[in-house]
Amino acid sequence: MALFKKKQRTETVKETAPAETVKVAHGRQLGVRTVLKQPWFSERATALAAENKYVFLVNDDATKPSVRDEVQRRYGVRVTSVNMVRKMGKLKRFRNAMGRQGGTKKAIVTLKAGDKIEIQ
């Protein structure tokens, strides 16, 4: 005893290519281009470049395998090892409250002999 007929839906589903993602710690996923933030330039980083080691500022959730994959994909080089360094933010006082500045995470990437990255 239906007064209204059910309309059949005819929807077309567009298939989109899945975005490239990298799995990082705690089951989270990052876009491929968000693992490396920028190259890190300092006196020590310049000295490490002579030893075929390059320093990058990375996302806080980045892991060694995700950094390795991103450097190989972006610069077309072969990575032999990745070391991570986490620097905690400084404690600062604002009036009567204590706060903490943001920390950073860096990756020191060692390349295979003969490979180089031109960073400008």
C-alpha atoms as a PDB file:
ATOM      1  CA  MET A   1       0.000   0.000   0.000  1.00  0.00           C
ATOM      2  CA  ALA A   2       2.689   2.402  -0.994  1.00  0.00           C
ATOM      3  CA  LEU A   3       1.581   5.759  -2.203  1.00  0.00           C
ATOM      4  CA  PHE A   4       4.943   6.692  -3.597  1.00  0.00           C
ATOM      5  CA  LYS A   5       7.174   4.617  -5.780  1.00  0.00           C
ATOM      6  CA  LYS A   6      10.806   4.393  -4.874  1.00  0.00           C
ATOM      7  CA  LYS A   7      13.009   6.002  -7.458  1.00  0.00           C
ATOM      8  CA  GLN A   8      16.027   4.037  -8.423  1.00  0.00           C
ATOM      9  CA  ARG A   9      19.208   5.987  -8.201  1.00  0.00           C
ATOM     10  CA  THR A  10      21.584   5.836 -11.082  1.00  0.00           C
ATOM     11  CA  GLU A  11      24.756   7.465  -9.955  1.00  0.00           C
ATOM     12  CA  THR A  12      28.055   7.239 -11.709  1.00  0.00           C
ATOM     13  CA  VAL A  13      31.040   6.968  -9.469  1.00  0.00           C
ATOM     14  CA  LYS A  14      34.170   8.634 -10.706  1.00  0.00           C
ATOM     15  CA  GLU A  15      37.264   6.667  -9.882  1.00  0.00           C
ATOM     16  CA  THR A  16      40.120   8.852  -8.812  1.00  0.00           C
ATOM     17  CA  ALA A  17      43.699   7.808  -8.526  1.00  0.00           C
ATOM     18  CA  PRO A  18      44.668   7.272  -4.892  1.00  0.00           C
ATOM     19  CA  ALA A  19      46.915   9.980  -3.522  1.00  0.00           C
ATOM     20  CA  GLU A  20      50.404   8.817  -2.717  1.00  0.00           C
ATOM     21  CA  THR A  21      50.756   8.450   1.023  1.00  0.00           C
ATOM     22  CA  VAL A  22      53.457   7.227   3.337  1.00  0.00           C
ATOM     23  CA  LYS A  23      52.659   5.297   6.501  1.00  0.00           C
ATOM     24  CA  VAL A  24      54.352   6.759   9.561  1.00  0.00           C
ATOM     25  CA  ALA A  25      54.363   6.043  13.277  1.00  0.00           C
ATOM     26  CA  HIS A  26      51.124   5.351  15.149  1.00  0.00           C
ATOM     27  CA  GLY A  27      49.300   4.269  11.966  1.00  0.00           C
ATOM     28  CA  ARG A  28      49.041   7.818  10.633  1.00  0.00           C
ATOM     29  CA  GLN A  29      49.600   8.626   6.992  1.00  0.00           C
ATOM     30  CA  LEU A  30      51.364  11.614   5.489  1.00  0.00           C
ATOM     31  CA  GLY A  31      51.334  12.825   1.929  1.00  0.00           C
ATOM     32  CA  VAL A  32      54.541  12.019   0.122  1.00  0.00           C
ATOM     33  CA  ARG A  33      55.546  15.657  -0.214  1.00  0.00           C
ATOM     34  CA  THR A  34      55.052  16.471   3.480  1.00  0.00           C
ATOM     35  CA  VAL A  35      57.791  14.253   4.937  1.00  0.00           C
ATOM     36  CA  LEU A  36      60.688  16.606   4.092  1.00  0.00           C
ATOM     37  CA  LYS A  37      60.103  20.226   5.011  1.00  0.00           C
ATOM     38  CA  GLN A  38      63.349  21.828   3.821  1.00  0.00           C
ATOM     39  CA  PRO A  39      67.106  21.327   3.693  1.00  0.00           C
ATOM     40  CA  TRP A  40      68.942  22.440   6.826  1.00  0.00           C
ATOM     41  CA  PHE A  41      71.843  24.870   6.339  1.00  0.00           C
ATOM     42  CA  SER A  42      74.344  25.364   9.148  1.00  0.00           C
ATOM     43  CA  GLU A  43      78.076  25.244   9.627  1.00  0.00           C
ATOM     44  CA  ARG A  44      77.901  21.634  10.762  1.00  0.00           C
ATOM     45  CA  ALA A  45      75.576  20.649   7.902  1.00  0.00           C
ATOM     46  CA  THR A  46      78.006  22.150   5.393  1.00  0.00           C
ATOM     47  CA  ALA A  47      80.879  20.154   6.923  1.00  0.00           C
ATOM     48  CA  LEU A  48      78.765  16.963   6.755  1.00  0.00           C
ATOM     49  CA  ALA A  49      78.091  17.555   3.041  1.00  0.00           C
ATOM     50  CA  ALA A  50      81.794  16.924   2.404  1.00  0.00           C
ATOM     51  CA  GLU A  51      81.289  13.444   3.933  1.00  0.00           C
ATOM     52  CA  ASN A  52      78.319  12.794   1.598  1.00  0.00           C
ATOM     53  CA  LYS A  53      75.790  13.410   4.409  1.00  0.00           C
ATOM     54  CA  TYR A  54      72.902  15.868   4.024  1.00  0.00           C
ATOM     55  CA  VAL A  55      70.653  17.330   6.729  1.00  0.00           C
ATOM     56  CA  PHE A  56      66.905  17.933   6.268  1.00  0.00           C
ATOM     57  CA  LEU A  57      64.242  19.369   8.528  1.00  0.00           C
ATOM     58  CA  VAL A  58      61.463  16.760   8.608  1.00  0.00           C
ATOM     59  CA  ASN A  59      57.916  16.390   9.893  1.00  0.00           C
ATOM     60  CA  ASP A  60      57.610  15.359  13.556  1.00  0.00           C
ATOM     61  CA  ASP A  61      55.827  12.130  12.554  1.00  0.00           C
ATOM     62  CA  ALA A  62      58.401  11.126   9.918  1.00  0.00           C
ATOM     63  CA  THR A  63      60.217   7.815  10.261  1.00  0.00           C
ATOM     64  CA  LYS A  64      63.538   6.640   8.855  1.00  0.00           C
ATOM     65  CA  PRO A  65      61.970   4.538   6.059  1.00  0.00           C
ATOM     66  CA  SER A  66      59.645   7.378   5.008  1.00  0.00           C
ATOM     67  CA  VAL A  67      62.571   9.848   4.868  1.00  0.00           C
ATOM     68  CA  ARG A  68      64.674   7.339   2.896  1.00  0.00           C
ATOM     69  CA  ASP A  69      61.885   6.795   0.342  1.00  0.00           C
ATOM     70  CA  GLU A  70      61.195  10.521  -0.047  1.00  0.00           C
ATOM     71  CA  VAL A  71      64.863  11.470  -0.578  1.00  0.00           C
ATOM     72  CA  GLN A  72      65.329   8.688  -3.129  1.00  0.00           C
ATOM     73  CA  ARG A  73      62.148   9.696  -4.971  1.00  0.00           C
ATOM     74  CA  ARG A  74      62.738  13.458  -4.922  1.00  0.00           C
ATOM     75  CA  TYR A  75      66.471  13.615  -5.673  1.00  0.00           C
ATOM     76  CA  GLY A  76      67.064  10.340  -7.542  1.00  0.00           C
ATOM     77  CA  VAL A  77      69.908   9.159  -5.307  1.00  0.00           C
ATOM     78  CA  ARG A  78      70.595   6.004  -3.285  1.00  0.00           C
ATOM     79  CA  VAL A  79      70.416   6.362   0.505  1.00  0.00           C
ATOM     80  CA  THR A  80      72.568   4.092   2.676  1.00  0.00           C
ATOM     81  CA  SER A  81      71.471   5.279   6.133  1.00  0.00           C
ATOM     82  CA  VAL A  82      69.256   7.789   7.921  1.00  0.00           C
ATOM     83  CA  ASN A  83      69.851   9.171  11.437  1.00  0.00           C
ATOM     84  CA  MET A  84      67.185  11.202  13.234  1.00  0.00           C
ATOM     85  CA  VAL A  85      67.751  14.035  15.728  1.00  0.00           C
ATOM     86  CA  ARG A  86      64.954  15.494  17.825  1.00  0.00           C
ATOM     87  CA  LYS A  87      65.447  18.898  19.486  1.00  0.00           C
ATOM     88  CA  MET A  88      63.007  19.884  22.209  1.00  0.00           C
ATOM     89  CA  GLY A  89      61.651  23.422  22.278  1.00  0.00           C
ATOM     90  CA  LYS A  90      62.871  25.900  24.877  1.00  0.00           C
ATOM     91  CA  LEU A  91      60.891  26.752  27.985  1.00  0.00           C
ATOM     92  CA  LYS A  92      59.811  30.407  27.939  1.00  0.00           C
ATOM     93  CA  ARG A  93      58.016  32.526  30.494  1.00  0.00           C
ATOM     94  CA  PHE A  94      55.114  34.736  29.432  1.00  0.00           C
ATOM     95  CA  ARG A  95      54.082  36.823  32.431  1.00  0.00           C
ATOM     96  CA  ASN A  96      53.252  34.251  35.116  1.00  0.00           C
ATOM     97  CA  ALA A  97      52.799  31.257  32.834  1.00  0.00           C
ATOM     98  CA  MET A  98      55.451  28.930  31.494  1.00  0.00           C
ATOM     99  CA  GLY A  99      55.222  27.808  27.904  1.00  0.00           C
ATOM    100  CA  ARG A 100      57.288  25.803  25.464  1.00  0.00           C
ATOM    101  CA  GLN A 101      58.420  26.787  22.001  1.00  0.00           C
ATOM    102  CA  GLY A 102      58.021  24.300  19.177  1.00  0.00           C
ATOM    103  CA  GLY A 103      60.735  21.696  18.758  1.00  0.00           C
ATOM    104  CA  THR A 104      62.287  20.421  15.539  1.00  0.00           C
ATOM    105  CA  LYS A 105      63.196  17.069  14.058  1.00  0.00           C
ATOM    106  CA  LYS A 106      66.103  16.672  11.641  1.00  0.00           C
ATOM    107  CA  ALA A 107      67.240  13.773   9.493  1.00  0.00           C
ATOM    108  CA  ILE A 108      70.877  13.223   8.577  1.00  0.00           C
ATOM    109  CA  VAL A 109      70.872  11.266   5.320  1.00  0.00           C
ATOM    110  CA  THR A 110      73.989   9.399   4.147  1.00  0.00           C
ATOM    111  CA  LEU A 111      74.201   8.777   0.405  1.00  0.00           C
ATOM    112  CA  LYS A 112      75.973   6.013  -1.480  1.00  0.00           C
ATOM    113  CA  ALA A 113      79.467   6.907  -2.687  1.00  0.00           C
ATOM    114  CA  GLY A 114      79.323   8.821  -5.957  1.00  0.00           C
ATOM    115  CA  ASP A 115      75.807  10.267  -5.426  1.00  0.00           C
ATOM    116  CA  LYS A 116      75.340  13.974  -4.745  1.00  0.00           C
ATOM    117  CA  ILE A 117      72.450  16.328  -4.097  1.00  0.00           C
ATOM    118  CA  GLU A 118      72.598  19.850  -5.516  1.00  0.00           C
ATOM    119  CA  ILE A 119      70.819  21.993  -2.906  1.00  0.00           C
ATOM    120  CA  GLN A 120      70.687  25.726  -3.485  1.00  0.00           C
END
